[in-house]
Amino acid sequence: MARPEYESWVREILRCPVGHHELVDVVDEQGRPALQCAQDCDGQGRRRRYPVQDGIPVLLVDDAVVVPV
């Protein structure tokens, strides 16, 4: 599945709703695109990952997955 492309101004305003960190493009365990905190969020070595569904980031805390880095 291809990663969605966002205009630069959109990338600038996309932030984690919890830690307000920048979000970077990643791929989850199933190969689907996602956005993940660029910094620790929810403890040292842990970051929130948000799904991207149909090209739209779902920045809801309840839908986020906390992953170790």
N, C-alpha and C. Protein backbone atom coordinates (compact mmCIF):
# COMPACT_ATOMS: atom_id res chain seq x y z
N MET A 1 0.85 -1.17 0.00
CA MET A 1 0.00 0.00 0.00
C MET A 1 0.90 1.24 0.00
N ALA A 2 0.63 2.18 -0.87
CA ALA A 2 1.46 3.38 -1.00
C ALA A 2 1.19 4.34 0.15
N ARG A 3 2.24 5.02 0.53
CA ARG A 3 2.10 6.05 1.56
C ARG A 3 1.40 7.26 0.97
N PRO A 4 0.51 7.87 1.73
CA PRO A 4 -0.15 9.07 1.21
C PRO A 4 0.83 10.22 1.14
N GLU A 5 0.63 11.09 0.17
CA GLU A 5 1.47 12.27 0.01
C GLU A 5 0.70 13.47 0.56
N TYR A 6 1.35 14.26 1.38
CA TYR A 6 0.74 15.45 1.95
C TYR A 6 1.55 16.66 1.52
N GLU A 7 0.87 17.76 1.29
CA GLU A 7 1.57 19.00 0.98
C GLU A 7 2.38 19.42 2.21
N SER A 8 3.43 20.19 1.97
CA SER A 8 4.34 20.56 3.07
C SER A 8 3.64 21.31 4.18
N TRP A 9 2.67 22.15 3.87
CA TRP A 9 1.99 22.90 4.93
C TRP A 9 1.15 21.96 5.80
N VAL A 10 0.64 20.89 5.21
CA VAL A 10 -0.13 19.92 5.99
C VAL A 10 0.81 19.18 6.94
N ARG A 11 1.99 18.80 6.44
CA ARG A 11 2.97 18.09 7.28
C ARG A 11 3.37 18.95 8.47
N GLU A 12 3.46 20.25 8.28
CA GLU A 12 3.86 21.15 9.36
C GLU A 12 2.83 21.18 10.50
N ILE A 13 1.56 21.02 10.17
CA ILE A 13 0.54 21.13 11.22
C ILE A 13 0.11 19.78 11.80
N LEU A 14 0.48 18.68 11.16
CA LEU A 14 0.14 17.36 11.71
C LEU A 14 1.00 17.10 12.94
N ARG A 15 0.38 16.96 14.09
CA ARG A 15 1.09 16.74 15.35
C ARG A 15 0.35 15.69 16.17
N CYS A 16 1.10 15.06 17.06
CA CYS A 16 0.48 14.12 18.00
C CYS A 16 -0.45 14.91 18.91
N PRO A 17 -1.70 14.47 19.06
CA PRO A 17 -2.63 15.19 19.93
C PRO A 17 -2.28 15.09 21.42
N VAL A 18 -1.40 14.19 21.78
CA VAL A 18 -1.02 14.04 23.19
C VAL A 18 0.24 14.85 23.51
N GLY A 19 1.33 14.54 22.86
CA GLY A 19 2.60 15.20 23.16
C GLY A 19 2.94 16.35 22.25
N HIS A 20 2.11 16.59 21.23
CA HIS A 20 2.31 17.66 20.26
C HIS A 20 3.63 17.53 19.51
N HIS A 21 4.11 16.28 19.37
CA HIS A 21 5.34 16.01 18.63
C HIS A 21 5.07 15.97 17.14
N GLU A 22 6.13 16.16 16.38
CA GLU A 22 6.07 15.97 14.94
C GLU A 22 5.75 14.49 14.67
N LEU A 23 5.06 14.22 13.58
CA LEU A 23 4.74 12.84 13.20
C LEU A 23 5.51 12.48 11.94
N VAL A 24 6.04 11.27 11.92
CA VAL A 24 6.80 10.79 10.77
C VAL A 24 6.08 9.60 10.15
N ASP A 25 6.32 9.39 8.85
CA ASP A 25 5.71 8.27 8.14
C ASP A 25 6.38 6.97 8.55
N VAL A 26 5.56 5.97 8.84
CA VAL A 26 6.04 4.62 9.12
C VAL A 26 5.07 3.64 8.47
N VAL A 27 5.41 2.38 8.56
CA VAL A 27 4.55 1.30 8.10
C VAL A 27 4.32 0.39 9.30
N ASP A 28 3.06 0.01 9.55
CA ASP A 28 2.78 -0.84 10.70
C ASP A 28 3.14 -2.30 10.40
N GLU A 29 2.86 -3.18 11.33
CA GLU A 29 3.23 -4.59 11.22
C GLU A 29 2.53 -5.29 10.04
N GLN A 30 1.38 -4.76 9.63
CA GLN A 30 0.64 -5.34 8.51
C GLN A 30 0.98 -4.67 7.17
N GLY A 31 1.95 -3.77 7.19
CA GLY A 31 2.37 -3.10 5.97
C GLY A 31 1.52 -1.90 5.58
N ARG A 32 0.67 -1.45 6.49
CA ARG A 32 -0.19 -0.31 6.21
C ARG A 32 0.51 0.99 6.64
N PRO A 33 0.25 2.10 5.92
CA PRO A 33 0.86 3.37 6.30
C PRO A 33 0.33 3.86 7.64
N ALA A 34 1.19 4.55 8.38
CA ALA A 34 0.82 5.11 9.67
C ALA A 34 1.69 6.32 9.93
N LEU A 35 1.32 7.09 10.93
CA LEU A 35 2.13 8.21 11.40
C LEU A 35 2.53 7.93 12.84
N GLN A 36 3.77 8.21 13.16
CA GLN A 36 4.29 7.90 14.50
C GLN A 36 5.01 9.11 15.06
N CYS A 37 4.93 9.28 16.38
CA CYS A 37 5.62 10.38 17.04
C CYS A 37 7.12 10.30 16.75
N ALA A 38 7.71 11.45 16.49
CA ALA A 38 9.15 11.51 16.23
C ALA A 38 9.94 11.48 17.53
N GLN A 39 9.26 11.68 18.66
CA GLN A 39 9.90 11.67 19.97
C GLN A 39 9.12 10.74 20.89
N ASP A 40 9.75 10.36 22.00
CA ASP A 40 9.08 9.51 22.98
C ASP A 40 7.79 10.18 23.46
N CYS A 41 6.75 9.37 23.57
CA CYS A 41 5.43 9.87 23.97
C CYS A 41 4.74 8.73 24.71
N ASP A 42 4.64 8.80 25.98
CA ASP A 42 4.05 7.77 26.83
C ASP A 42 5.15 6.98 27.53
N GLY A 43 6.24 7.64 27.81
CA GLY A 43 7.34 7.00 28.52
C GLY A 43 8.57 6.84 27.65
N GLN A 44 9.68 6.65 28.30
CA GLN A 44 10.95 6.52 27.59
C GLN A 44 10.95 5.28 26.70
N GLY A 45 11.34 5.48 25.44
CA GLY A 45 11.41 4.38 24.49
C GLY A 45 10.06 3.92 23.95
N ARG A 46 9.01 4.74 24.14
CA ARG A 46 7.67 4.38 23.67
C ARG A 46 7.11 5.55 22.86
N ARG A 47 6.48 5.23 21.76
CA ARG A 47 5.90 6.27 20.91
C ARG A 47 4.51 5.86 20.45
N ARG A 48 3.68 6.85 20.22
CA ARG A 48 2.33 6.58 19.71
C ARG A 48 2.36 6.49 18.19
N ARG A 49 1.61 5.53 17.67
CA ARG A 49 1.47 5.36 16.22
C ARG A 49 -0.01 5.49 15.88
N TYR A 50 -0.29 6.31 14.88
CA TYR A 50 -1.66 6.58 14.45
C TYR A 50 -1.90 5.98 13.07
N PRO A 51 -3.02 5.32 12.88
CA PRO A 51 -3.30 4.71 11.56
C PRO A 51 -3.63 5.77 10.51
N VAL A 52 -3.41 5.41 9.26
CA VAL A 52 -3.83 6.22 8.12
C VAL A 52 -4.82 5.35 7.36
N GLN A 53 -6.05 5.82 7.26
CA GLN A 53 -7.10 5.06 6.58
C GLN A 53 -7.57 5.82 5.34
N ASP A 54 -7.46 5.19 4.19
CA ASP A 54 -7.85 5.81 2.92
C ASP A 54 -7.13 7.14 2.71
N GLY A 55 -5.87 7.21 3.14
CA GLY A 55 -5.07 8.41 2.97
C GLY A 55 -5.30 9.49 4.00
N ILE A 56 -6.16 9.22 4.99
CA ILE A 56 -6.49 10.22 6.00
C ILE A 56 -5.93 9.77 7.35
N PRO A 57 -5.07 10.59 7.99
CA PRO A 57 -4.55 10.24 9.30
C PRO A 57 -5.67 10.26 10.35
N VAL A 58 -5.73 9.22 11.16
CA VAL A 58 -6.73 9.14 12.23
C VAL A 58 -6.00 9.48 13.53
N LEU A 59 -6.04 10.76 13.89
CA LEU A 59 -5.29 11.23 15.06
C LEU A 59 -6.16 11.24 16.31
N LEU A 60 -6.72 10.10 16.61
CA LEU A 60 -7.54 9.91 17.80
C LEU A 60 -6.74 9.07 18.79
N VAL A 61 -6.64 9.55 20.02
CA VAL A 61 -5.85 8.87 21.04
C VAL A 61 -6.33 7.44 21.23
N ASP A 62 -7.63 7.21 21.18
CA ASP A 62 -8.18 5.85 21.36
C ASP A 62 -7.78 4.90 20.23
N ASP A 63 -7.46 5.42 19.05
CA ASP A 63 -7.06 4.58 17.93
C ASP A 63 -5.56 4.42 17.81
N ALA A 64 -4.81 5.14 18.64
CA ALA A 64 -3.34 5.07 18.60
C ALA A 64 -2.86 3.78 19.26
N VAL A 65 -1.69 3.33 18.81
CA VAL A 65 -1.02 2.18 19.39
C VAL A 65 0.31 2.67 19.95
N VAL A 66 0.61 2.32 21.19
CA VAL A 66 1.90 2.69 21.77
C VAL A 66 2.89 1.58 21.43
N VAL A 67 3.99 1.97 20.78
CA VAL A 67 4.98 0.99 20.32
C VAL A 67 6.34 1.29 20.93
N PRO A 68 7.11 0.25 21.22
CA PRO A 68 8.48 0.47 21.70
C PRO A 68 9.40 0.84 20.54
N VAL A 69 10.39 1.65 20.84
CA VAL A 69 11.38 2.01 19.80
C VAL A 69 12.77 1.70 20.28
